[in-house]
Amino acid sequence: MTWHPPNPVRYQIPETRWPTREEAESSLLFQPVRVGSTQLESRTWVPAMVPWRATEEGFVTEANLDWYRRFAQGRPGAIVVEATGVRDIPSGPLLRIGHDRFLPGLKRLVETVREASQGHTHLFIQIIDFLSVKRRPEKTRFMEHFLELHPHHRRALAEITGEESWTHAGDEDVRGFLKQATDEVLEKVLDERELEALRFGYRERVTDTQLAHIRELPRVLPDIFADASRRAREAGFDGVELHYAHAYTMASFLSARNTREDGYGGARENRVRLPLEIYRRVRERVGDDYVVGCRFLADEVISGGNRIADAVYFGVEFARAGLDFLSISKGGKFEDAKQPRVGQAVYPYTGQSGYECMPTVISDETGPFARNIPLVAQIKRAVNEAGFQTPVVGAGGITTFEQAEAILERGEADIIGLARQALADPDWFVKVKTGRGPEVRRCTYTNYCEGLDQAHKQVTCKLWDRVELDEPGVPLSSDGRRRLIPPRWKEEQ
């Protein structure tokens, strides 16, 4: 169950008038834009989306190639490949770039996009670090295997029961009692992090500096990101997008909730320190003639988290440092996520922050369409007023040409990202540019795709995944009930 606004309003996707070919070709949206050392043919962008198609070891599969080939056939200005792990650690069916053994598959992915777009689409790869997140345990298992007992647990039991014998009771007796204890008792015995580990699953934080590997993150991550970026360049990607957004390591360093006392937490200038150090190390490794940008949050949408003032500060500092683009998102945090079922991991897109990341047609008076753009505009304005022309990518519920063009005309963003709409119809870009907008398959913003992502199932769209299942050669899901890529657009020659 995901969060929805109180007193919700159900919206319809906006009606629109699609441009003629001449109108589209003369529009801002289909004009080129400079991004660092390269130039995109248009101001259109497919943000990173995780489709759950890699192997369990993080290698590129034929299903990955099919997925990105299909997006490339629509010829957007740029595609950003899904969040790809920078460390050589197990991470399930997510792509990885933490070792040279992943290079052959990544090179094939680049070649596939080049061929499918006939060289018209630039390809970036989003690189990410994440900390450990465990599944929610069954209560008995937690008490037997995961809870580390301390004297304060025994003292709490003695106070609750009035029996002093608990202060020197054996571990087996304490664990046995806690297995049967009520929530009310557990709340008096366990501390906040222990309760969270029981109810949500254990999750590391960047503030857990009592753990050596967490304490060492500022020392080790710059080289890890730089090595990954070197591999991206070697594989042929046009650039990298440093993932500084949502629920993951680098966003957590930027967060106002980061209270580290080693110079990497607390004040804004300390919280931005590691992201800037990583960028500088990456730049040293890949050179000045390679695109390096980042994605970060305009608002964390959590208690005690960053708000737009923080994002404006970070945006200016990133531009000052020399990042080649700034891609803006919102929310998507663990802190307000809904409790998972036993055996499932907490999912950072189920609370209010998750809703704001991917709003649906069940919304509030603001509505779900281009909902983030006012925040994007504030960041862009601050960057420009500071004297920088770093292109800013705006996204979130943008589905029509009219929306996209108006955002560009008002100077609220430099590039327009379409994620869910591109998933619904990868041919959106070429259809609109050639005056065939009425043929666009319109996303209905019900987040069917996001529900599949939450379940770690191969992501598809309800508008096409049951269509023409008998098409020769079409890849199907493991149960044979869904196609894994949209049907080809039967464009009249």
Protein backbone atom coordinates (compact mmCIF):
# COMPACT_ATOMS: atom_id res chain seq x y z
CA MET A 1 0.00 0.00 0.00
CA THR A 2 1.49 3.33 -1.01
CA TRP A 3 0.81 6.80 0.33
CA HIS A 4 -1.83 9.00 -1.30
CA PRO A 5 -2.67 12.62 -0.57
CA PRO A 6 -5.54 13.31 1.85
CA ASN A 7 -8.81 14.33 0.16
CA PRO A 8 -7.52 12.98 -3.15
CA VAL A 9 -8.67 14.12 -6.57
CA ARG A 10 -8.61 11.79 -9.59
CA TYR A 11 -7.20 13.51 -12.65
CA GLN A 12 -7.44 12.69 -16.32
CA ILE A 13 -4.35 12.95 -18.47
CA PRO A 14 -4.31 16.42 -20.07
CA GLU A 15 -5.91 16.97 -23.42
CA THR A 16 -3.54 18.43 -25.94
CA ARG A 17 -3.01 19.63 -29.48
CA TRP A 18 -0.04 17.91 -31.04
CA PRO A 19 2.27 19.97 -33.27
CA THR A 20 2.60 19.64 -37.01
CA ARG A 21 5.93 18.45 -38.33
CA GLU A 22 6.89 22.05 -39.09
CA GLU A 23 5.90 23.26 -35.63
CA ALA A 24 7.81 20.47 -33.95
CA GLU A 25 10.97 20.94 -35.98
CA SER A 26 11.04 24.68 -35.20
CA SER A 27 10.27 24.18 -31.50
CA LEU A 28 12.70 24.62 -28.63
CA LEU A 29 12.21 20.97 -27.65
CA PHE A 30 13.73 19.72 -30.89
CA GLN A 31 16.63 22.16 -30.98
CA PRO A 32 20.13 20.97 -30.09
CA VAL A 33 21.62 21.65 -26.67
CA ARG A 34 25.21 21.60 -25.49
CA VAL A 35 25.94 19.25 -22.58
CA GLY A 36 29.57 19.54 -21.59
CA SER A 37 31.79 18.38 -24.42
CA THR A 38 28.95 16.95 -26.48
CA GLN A 39 25.80 18.20 -28.18
CA LEU A 40 22.40 16.53 -28.05
CA GLU A 41 20.27 16.72 -31.19
CA SER A 42 17.22 17.65 -29.13
CA ARG A 43 16.30 18.65 -25.59
CA THR A 44 14.65 15.29 -24.95
CA TRP A 45 15.90 12.88 -22.31
CA VAL A 46 14.94 9.42 -21.03
CA PRO A 47 15.88 9.32 -17.32
CA ALA A 48 17.27 6.20 -15.70
CA MET A 49 14.72 3.45 -15.02
CA VAL A 50 15.58 0.05 -13.53
CA PRO A 51 13.89 -2.69 -15.62
CA TRP A 52 15.16 -5.73 -13.62
CA ARG A 53 16.68 -7.45 -16.62
CA ALA A 54 20.33 -7.98 -15.66
CA THR A 55 21.63 -11.30 -14.36
CA GLU A 56 21.90 -11.91 -10.62
CA GLU A 57 25.62 -11.22 -11.05
CA GLY A 58 24.99 -7.83 -12.70
CA PHE A 59 25.83 -8.71 -16.30
CA VAL A 60 24.07 -7.28 -19.36
CA THR A 61 21.53 -9.71 -20.85
CA GLU A 62 19.77 -9.94 -24.20
CA ALA A 63 16.71 -8.57 -22.36
CA ASN A 64 18.73 -5.47 -21.41
CA LEU A 65 19.79 -5.03 -25.02
CA ASP A 66 16.19 -5.43 -26.23
CA TRP A 67 15.04 -2.84 -23.67
CA TYR A 68 17.52 -0.12 -24.59
CA ARG A 69 17.29 -0.90 -28.30
CA ARG A 70 13.56 -0.20 -28.11
CA PHE A 71 14.06 3.18 -26.44
CA ALA A 72 16.80 4.09 -28.92
CA GLN A 73 14.47 3.45 -31.85
CA GLY A 74 12.46 6.50 -30.72
CA ARG A 75 15.58 8.69 -31.06
CA PRO A 76 15.46 10.83 -27.91
CA GLY A 77 18.33 13.26 -27.46
CA ALA A 78 19.74 11.16 -24.62
CA ILE A 79 19.05 7.96 -22.73
CA VAL A 80 20.38 7.39 -19.23
CA VAL A 81 21.03 3.72 -18.48
CA GLU A 82 19.60 2.45 -15.22
CA ALA A 83 21.27 2.80 -11.82
CA THR A 84 24.42 0.68 -12.15
CA GLY A 85 26.38 -0.41 -9.09
CA VAL A 86 29.92 0.96 -8.70
CA ARG A 87 31.09 -1.61 -6.16
CA ASP A 88 31.93 -5.21 -6.94
CA ILE A 89 29.38 -6.60 -4.50
CA PRO A 90 26.23 -8.71 -4.99
CA SER A 91 23.20 -6.56 -5.77
CA GLY A 92 20.69 -8.82 -7.49
CA PRO A 93 19.53 -8.28 -11.10
CA LEU A 94 20.89 -4.74 -11.33
CA LEU A 95 23.61 -3.82 -13.79
CA ARG A 96 27.08 -3.44 -12.32
CA ILE A 97 30.21 -1.61 -13.38
CA GLY A 98 32.48 -2.39 -10.43
CA HIS A 99 34.94 -4.61 -12.33
CA ASP A 100 36.38 -4.87 -15.83
CA ARG A 101 34.58 -8.19 -16.38
CA PHE A 102 31.38 -6.19 -16.94
CA LEU A 103 32.88 -4.23 -19.84
CA PRO A 104 32.07 -6.62 -22.74
CA GLY A 105 28.33 -6.52 -21.97
CA LEU A 106 28.32 -2.77 -21.43
CA LYS A 107 30.12 -2.27 -24.75
CA ARG A 108 27.42 -4.33 -26.46
CA LEU A 109 24.77 -2.16 -24.86
CA VAL A 110 26.41 1.01 -26.21
CA GLU A 111 26.74 -0.51 -29.68
CA THR A 112 23.10 -1.59 -29.60
CA VAL A 113 21.87 1.92 -28.86
CA ARG A 114 24.16 3.47 -31.46
CA GLU A 115 22.86 1.12 -34.12
CA ALA A 116 19.19 1.35 -33.18
CA SER A 117 19.19 5.16 -33.08
CA GLN A 118 21.49 5.39 -36.13
CA GLY A 119 23.79 7.52 -34.03
CA HIS A 120 21.13 10.11 -33.14
CA THR A 121 20.87 9.32 -29.41
CA HIS A 122 23.57 9.94 -26.84
CA LEU A 123 23.95 7.37 -24.09
CA PHE A 124 24.86 8.11 -20.48
CA ILE A 125 25.04 5.65 -17.60
CA GLN A 126 23.87 6.38 -14.06
CA ILE A 127 26.31 5.05 -11.48
CA ILE A 128 25.24 4.40 -7.91
CA ASP A 129 26.46 3.32 -4.51
CA PHE A 130 24.13 1.90 -1.87
CA LEU A 131 24.43 0.63 1.67
CA SER A 132 23.14 -2.62 3.11
CA VAL A 133 19.37 -3.09 3.40
CA LYS A 134 18.09 -6.37 4.85
CA ARG A 135 14.67 -7.95 4.50
CA ARG A 136 12.18 -7.64 7.34
CA PRO A 137 12.78 -10.68 9.55
CA GLU A 138 10.26 -12.93 11.24
CA LYS A 139 10.09 -11.99 14.94
CA THR A 140 11.46 -15.26 16.30
CA ARG A 141 14.35 -15.24 13.86
CA PHE A 142 15.18 -11.66 14.77
CA MET A 143 15.30 -12.43 18.48
CA GLU A 144 17.35 -15.60 17.99
CA HIS A 145 19.88 -14.43 15.41
CA PHE A 146 19.96 -10.66 14.92
CA LEU A 147 19.36 -8.97 18.25
CA GLU A 148 22.62 -8.26 20.05
CA LEU A 149 21.85 -8.39 23.77
CA HIS A 150 23.27 -5.79 26.17
CA PRO A 151 22.86 -5.02 29.87
CA HIS A 152 20.35 -2.26 29.12
CA HIS A 153 17.94 -4.86 27.68
CA ARG A 154 18.04 -6.81 30.95
CA ARG A 155 17.63 -3.67 33.04
CA ALA A 156 14.58 -2.70 31.00
CA LEU A 157 13.04 -6.15 31.52
CA ALA A 158 13.67 -5.89 35.27
CA GLU A 159 11.94 -2.50 35.40
CA ILE A 160 8.97 -3.66 33.33
CA THR A 161 8.39 -6.90 35.25
CA GLY A 162 9.55 -5.78 38.67
CA GLU A 163 11.77 -8.88 38.79
CA GLU A 164 15.41 -8.04 39.47
CA SER A 165 16.46 -11.53 38.36
CA TRP A 166 16.31 -10.34 34.73
CA THR A 167 19.50 -8.34 35.25
CA HIS A 168 21.53 -11.54 35.29
CA ALA A 169 19.30 -13.85 33.24
CA GLY A 170 20.85 -15.95 30.50
CA ASP A 171 20.62 -15.01 26.84
CA GLU A 172 18.31 -17.92 26.06
CA ASP A 173 15.81 -16.81 28.71
CA VAL A 174 15.89 -13.19 27.56
CA ARG A 175 15.42 -14.11 23.93
CA GLY A 176 12.62 -16.54 24.82
CA PHE A 177 10.76 -13.82 26.73
CA LEU A 178 11.18 -11.28 23.92
CA LYS A 179 9.86 -13.73 21.33
CA GLN A 180 6.53 -13.71 23.19
CA ALA A 181 6.55 -10.03 24.21
CA THR A 182 3.90 -7.58 23.10
CA ASP A 183 4.72 -4.54 20.97
CA GLU A 184 4.23 -2.37 24.05
CA VAL A 185 6.90 -4.30 25.96
CA LEU A 186 9.29 -4.36 22.99
CA GLU A 187 9.03 -0.59 22.65
CA LYS A 188 10.36 -0.28 26.21
CA VAL A 189 13.14 -2.84 25.80
CA LEU A 190 14.49 -2.25 22.30
CA ASP A 191 16.01 1.02 21.12
CA GLU A 192 14.84 2.88 18.01
CA ARG A 193 17.24 1.18 15.59
CA GLU A 194 16.47 -2.28 16.99
CA LEU A 195 12.75 -1.70 16.61
CA GLU A 196 13.30 -0.53 13.07
CA ALA A 197 15.39 -3.63 12.26
CA LEU A 198 12.59 -5.82 13.62
CA ARG A 199 9.73 -4.02 11.89
CA PHE A 200 11.37 -2.92 8.65
CA GLY A 201 14.63 -4.83 8.33
CA TYR A 202 18.13 -3.67 9.23
CA ARG A 203 19.40 -0.72 7.21
CA GLU A 204 22.81 0.91 7.30
CA ARG A 205 23.13 4.68 7.40
CA VAL A 206 26.01 6.97 6.48
CA THR A 207 25.94 8.14 10.11
CA ASP A 208 26.83 4.65 11.43
CA THR A 209 30.43 5.70 11.85
CA GLN A 210 30.96 3.11 14.59
CA LEU A 211 31.18 0.69 11.64
CA ALA A 212 34.63 0.84 10.04
CA HIS A 213 33.37 0.48 6.45
CA ILE A 214 30.89 3.32 6.93
CA ARG A 215 33.49 5.50 8.58
CA GLU A 216 35.81 4.91 5.62
CA LEU A 217 33.33 5.85 2.88
CA PRO A 218 34.79 9.33 2.25
CA ARG A 219 38.21 7.77 1.77
CA VAL A 220 37.23 4.93 -0.56
CA LEU A 221 34.26 6.15 -2.61
CA PRO A 222 36.03 8.75 -4.78
CA ASP A 223 38.30 6.13 -6.34
CA ILE A 224 35.44 3.63 -6.66
CA PHE A 225 33.30 6.14 -8.58
CA ALA A 226 36.33 7.21 -10.64
CA ASP A 227 37.12 3.62 -11.59
CA ALA A 228 33.50 3.06 -12.61
CA SER A 229 33.56 6.22 -14.70
CA ARG A 230 36.76 5.09 -16.42
CA ARG A 231 35.00 1.85 -17.32
CA ALA A 232 32.00 3.80 -18.63
CA ARG A 233 34.26 5.75 -20.94
CA GLU A 234 36.08 2.60 -22.03
CA ALA A 235 32.73 0.94 -22.80
CA GLY A 236 31.83 3.84 -25.09
CA PHE A 237 29.20 5.70 -23.07
CA ASP A 238 29.04 9.42 -23.83
CA GLY A 239 29.08 10.27 -20.15
CA VAL A 240 28.13 9.33 -16.61
CA GLU A 241 25.39 10.53 -14.31
CA LEU A 242 26.50 10.42 -10.68
CA HIS A 243 23.52 9.19 -8.65
CA TYR A 244 23.20 11.65 -5.78
CA ALA A 245 19.41 11.21 -5.41
CA HIS A 246 16.78 9.21 -3.53
CA ALA A 247 17.53 6.69 -0.79
CA TYR A 248 21.14 5.87 -1.54
CA THR A 249 24.61 6.64 -0.23
CA MET A 250 25.40 9.96 -1.86
CA ALA A 251 21.95 11.45 -1.28
CA SER A 252 22.34 10.44 2.34
CA PHE A 253 25.59 12.41 2.58
CA LEU A 254 23.80 15.45 1.13
CA SER A 255 20.83 15.05 3.48
CA ALA A 256 20.21 17.45 6.36
CA ARG A 257 19.80 14.28 8.44
CA ASN A 258 23.51 13.56 7.96
CA THR A 259 25.04 14.35 11.35
CA ARG A 260 28.51 12.88 10.80
CA GLU A 261 31.14 14.70 12.85
CA ASP A 262 34.17 14.03 10.64
CA GLY A 263 33.77 17.01 8.35
CA TYR A 264 31.32 15.21 6.04
CA GLY A 265 28.08 15.98 7.89
CA GLY A 266 26.25 18.79 9.62
CA ALA A 267 26.52 22.10 7.75
CA ARG A 268 25.69 22.20 4.03
CA GLU A 269 29.29 22.84 3.04
CA ASN A 270 30.28 19.65 4.86
CA ARG A 271 27.44 17.58 3.41
CA VAL A 272 28.33 18.55 -0.15
CA ARG A 273 32.02 17.85 0.44
CA LEU A 274 32.08 14.15 -0.50
CA PRO A 275 29.88 14.56 -3.61
CA LEU A 276 32.28 17.25 -4.82
CA GLU A 277 35.35 15.17 -3.97
CA ILE A 278 33.89 12.26 -5.92
CA TYR A 279 33.18 14.51 -8.89
CA ARG A 280 36.72 15.89 -8.89
CA ARG A 281 38.25 12.42 -8.74
CA VAL A 282 35.99 11.26 -11.57
CA ARG A 283 36.96 14.30 -13.64
CA GLU A 284 40.66 13.57 -13.07
CA ARG A 285 40.12 10.01 -14.26
CA VAL A 286 38.01 10.64 -17.39
CA GLY A 287 39.34 14.04 -18.51
CA ASP A 288 37.70 17.33 -19.39
CA ASP A 289 36.35 16.05 -22.72
CA TYR A 290 33.88 13.61 -21.15
CA VAL A 291 30.39 14.37 -19.85
CA VAL A 292 29.95 14.09 -16.08
CA GLY A 293 26.64 15.19 -14.55
CA CYS A 294 24.57 14.26 -11.54
CA ARG A 295 21.01 13.62 -10.41
CA PHE A 296 19.96 15.02 -7.04
CA LEU A 297 16.85 15.98 -5.12
CA ALA A 298 14.97 19.27 -5.12
CA ASP A 299 13.26 18.18 -1.90
CA GLU A 300 13.69 15.05 0.22
CA VAL A 301 10.08 15.29 1.47
CA ILE A 302 10.95 13.79 4.85
CA SER A 303 11.02 15.18 8.36
CA GLY A 304 14.36 16.84 9.03
CA GLY A 305 15.45 16.41 5.42
CA ASN A 306 16.58 18.78 2.70
CA ARG A 307 14.23 21.34 1.22
CA ILE A 308 14.53 23.52 -1.86
CA ALA A 309 16.95 25.95 -0.18
CA ASP A 310 19.41 23.10 0.28
CA ALA A 311 18.92 21.97 -3.30
CA VAL A 312 19.52 25.47 -4.64
CA TYR A 313 22.78 25.64 -2.68
CA PHE A 314 23.90 22.23 -3.95
CA GLY A 315 22.96 23.06 -7.53
CA VAL A 316 25.11 26.19 -7.53
CA GLU A 317 28.03 24.34 -5.94
CA PHE A 318 27.77 21.52 -8.49
CA ALA A 319 27.72 24.04 -11.34
CA ARG A 320 30.65 25.93 -9.83
CA ALA A 321 32.64 22.69 -9.60
CA GLY A 322 32.09 22.02 -13.30
CA LEU A 323 29.46 19.29 -13.56
CA ASP A 324 28.09 19.18 -17.10
CA PHE A 325 24.40 18.78 -16.27
CA LEU A 326 22.06 18.72 -13.29
CA SER A 327 19.12 16.30 -13.39
CA ILE A 328 16.52 17.02 -10.74
CA SER A 329 14.29 14.55 -8.91
CA LYS A 330 12.30 14.61 -5.67
CA GLY A 331 11.72 12.34 -2.67
CA GLY A 332 12.08 8.56 -2.85
CA LYS A 333 13.42 7.98 0.67
CA PHE A 334 13.55 5.11 3.16
CA GLU A 335 12.69 7.25 6.17
CA ASP A 336 8.95 7.44 5.47
CA ALA A 337 8.52 4.16 3.58
CA LYS A 338 5.68 1.82 4.48
CA GLN A 339 6.38 -1.28 6.55
CA PRO A 340 7.20 -4.23 4.27
CA ARG A 341 5.82 -7.72 4.69
CA VAL A 342 7.96 -10.24 6.56
CA GLY A 343 10.60 -11.49 4.13
CA GLN A 344 10.45 -8.35 1.98
CA ALA A 345 12.81 -5.37 1.92
CA VAL A 346 11.65 -1.84 2.64
CA TYR A 347 10.88 0.04 -0.59
CA PRO A 348 11.67 3.78 -0.67
CA TYR A 349 8.76 4.77 -2.91
CA THR A 350 5.80 3.88 -0.69
CA GLY A 351 5.62 6.90 1.63
CA GLN A 352 4.88 10.52 0.86
CA SER A 353 8.43 11.06 -0.40
CA GLY A 354 7.96 8.14 -2.77
CA TYR A 355 4.67 9.54 -4.00
CA GLU A 356 6.29 12.88 -4.74
CA CYS A 357 8.96 11.07 -6.74
CA MET A 358 6.37 9.38 -8.97
CA PRO A 359 2.94 11.01 -8.44
CA THR A 360 -0.12 9.33 -9.87
CA VAL A 361 -3.43 10.60 -11.27
CA ILE A 362 -4.80 10.27 -7.73
CA SER A 363 -3.40 13.55 -6.47
CA ASP A 364 -4.09 16.79 -4.61
CA GLU A 365 -5.07 20.25 -5.86
CA THR A 366 -1.65 20.67 -7.52
CA GLY A 367 -2.11 17.57 -9.65
CA PRO A 368 0.55 15.13 -10.82
CA PHE A 369 1.62 16.74 -14.09
CA ALA A 370 4.93 18.66 -14.17
CA ARG A 371 4.55 18.80 -10.40
CA ASN A 372 8.29 19.17 -9.75
CA ILE A 373 8.98 21.87 -12.31
CA PRO A 374 8.55 24.88 -9.97
CA LEU A 375 11.39 23.47 -7.84
CA VAL A 376 13.49 22.72 -10.91
CA ALA A 377 12.98 26.32 -12.02
CA GLN A 378 14.27 27.66 -8.71
CA ILE A 379 17.45 25.61 -9.03
CA LYS A 380 17.99 26.66 -12.63
CA ARG A 381 17.41 30.34 -11.81
CA ALA A 382 19.96 30.22 -8.98
CA VAL A 383 22.53 28.45 -11.15
CA ASN A 384 22.08 31.01 -13.93
CA GLU A 385 22.17 33.98 -11.55
CA ALA A 386 25.45 32.64 -10.16
CA GLY A 387 26.86 32.95 -13.68
CA PHE A 388 26.67 29.34 -14.86
CA GLN A 389 24.89 27.94 -17.91
CA THR A 390 24.92 24.32 -16.73
CA PRO A 391 21.91 22.62 -18.38
CA VAL A 392 19.19 21.53 -15.98
CA VAL A 393 16.99 18.50 -16.71
CA GLY A 394 13.39 18.72 -15.50
CA ALA A 395 11.10 15.69 -15.28
CA GLY A 396 8.02 14.35 -13.54
CA GLY A 397 4.63 13.81 -15.12
CA ILE A 398 5.46 15.45 -18.45
CA THR A 399 3.40 13.78 -21.14
CA THR A 400 2.58 16.27 -23.93
CA PHE A 401 4.57 18.43 -26.31
CA GLU A 402 2.68 21.49 -25.06
CA GLN A 403 3.82 20.88 -21.47
CA ALA A 404 7.44 20.35 -22.51
CA GLU A 405 7.60 23.33 -24.84
CA ALA A 406 6.01 25.67 -22.30
CA ILE A 407 8.55 24.67 -19.65
CA LEU A 408 11.39 25.48 -22.05
CA GLU A 409 9.80 28.73 -23.20
CA ARG A 410 9.43 29.90 -19.61
CA GLY A 411 13.08 29.06 -18.95
CA GLU A 412 12.22 26.61 -16.16
CA ALA A 413 14.49 23.85 -17.48
CA ASP A 414 16.89 23.31 -20.37
CA ILE A 415 16.11 19.66 -21.13
CA ILE A 416 12.89 17.69 -20.68
CA GLY A 417 12.95 14.20 -19.18
CA LEU A 418 10.15 11.71 -19.90
CA ALA A 419 10.40 8.43 -17.99
CA ARG A 420 6.97 6.84 -17.57
CA GLN A 421 5.69 8.42 -20.80
CA ALA A 422 8.71 7.06 -22.68
CA LEU A 423 8.06 3.65 -21.15
CA ALA A 424 4.46 3.81 -22.37
CA ASP A 425 5.63 4.82 -25.84
CA PRO A 426 9.35 4.88 -26.67
CA ASP A 427 8.41 6.35 -30.06
CA TRP A 428 6.99 9.53 -28.44
CA PHE A 429 9.99 11.54 -29.64
CA VAL A 430 9.96 10.56 -33.29
CA LYS A 431 6.15 10.60 -33.48
CA VAL A 432 5.95 14.14 -32.13
CA LYS A 433 8.85 15.42 -34.23
CA THR A 434 7.31 14.06 -37.46
CA GLY A 435 3.83 15.46 -36.78
CA ARG A 436 2.38 12.11 -35.74
CA GLY A 437 1.63 13.10 -32.14
CA PRO A 438 -1.97 11.81 -32.22
CA GLU A 439 -0.48 8.31 -32.56
CA VAL A 440 1.33 8.57 -29.21
CA ARG A 441 0.40 5.90 -26.66
CA ARG A 442 -0.36 8.08 -23.64
CA CYS A 443 0.81 7.09 -20.16
CA THR A 444 -2.14 7.04 -17.74
CA TYR A 445 0.07 7.56 -14.63
CA THR A 446 -1.43 4.76 -12.54
CA ASN A 447 2.09 3.48 -11.69
CA TYR A 448 1.47 -0.09 -12.81
CA CYS A 449 5.14 -0.07 -13.82
CA GLU A 450 6.23 1.13 -10.40
CA GLY A 451 4.24 -1.69 -8.77
CA LEU A 452 6.25 -4.20 -10.80
CA ASP A 453 9.47 -2.48 -9.77
CA GLN A 454 8.45 -2.70 -6.12
CA ALA A 455 7.99 -6.46 -6.51
CA HIS A 456 11.36 -6.70 -8.34
CA LYS A 457 9.53 -8.03 -11.39
CA GLN A 458 10.57 -7.20 -14.94
CA VAL A 459 9.13 -3.75 -15.58
CA THR A 460 6.59 -3.35 -18.36
CA CYS A 461 3.60 -1.08 -19.14
CA LYS A 462 -0.02 -2.17 -18.87
CA LEU A 463 -0.75 -0.36 -22.14
CA TRP A 464 1.30 -2.81 -24.20
CA ASP A 465 2.46 -5.83 -22.19
CA ARG A 466 -0.57 -7.98 -23.18
CA VAL A 467 -0.72 -6.78 -26.79
CA GLU A 468 0.24 -9.01 -29.74
CA LEU A 469 1.73 -11.71 -27.53
CA ASP A 470 1.95 -13.96 -30.56
CA GLU A 471 4.25 -11.57 -32.42
CA PRO A 472 7.13 -13.66 -33.83
CA GLY A 473 10.29 -13.41 -31.73
CA VAL A 474 8.82 -11.14 -29.06
CA PRO A 475 10.49 -11.76 -25.67
CA LEU A 476 8.04 -12.73 -22.93
CA SER A 477 8.15 -12.73 -19.14
CA SER A 478 9.00 -16.01 -17.46
CA ASP A 479 5.31 -16.91 -17.05
CA GLY A 480 4.62 -16.16 -20.73
CA ARG A 481 1.85 -13.70 -19.86
CA ARG A 482 3.58 -10.39 -20.61
CA ARG A 483 5.69 -9.13 -23.46
CA LEU A 484 8.86 -7.40 -22.32
CA ILE A 485 9.15 -4.68 -24.97
CA PRO A 486 6.52 -2.53 -26.70
CA PRO A 487 5.30 -3.46 -30.17
CA ARG A 488 7.13 -1.77 -33.01
CA TRP A 489 5.43 1.33 -34.34
CA LYS A 490 4.00 0.40 -37.72
CA GLU A 491 5.14 3.67 -39.29
CA GLU A 492 4.00 4.22 -42.84
CA GLN A 493 6.98 4.48 -45.11
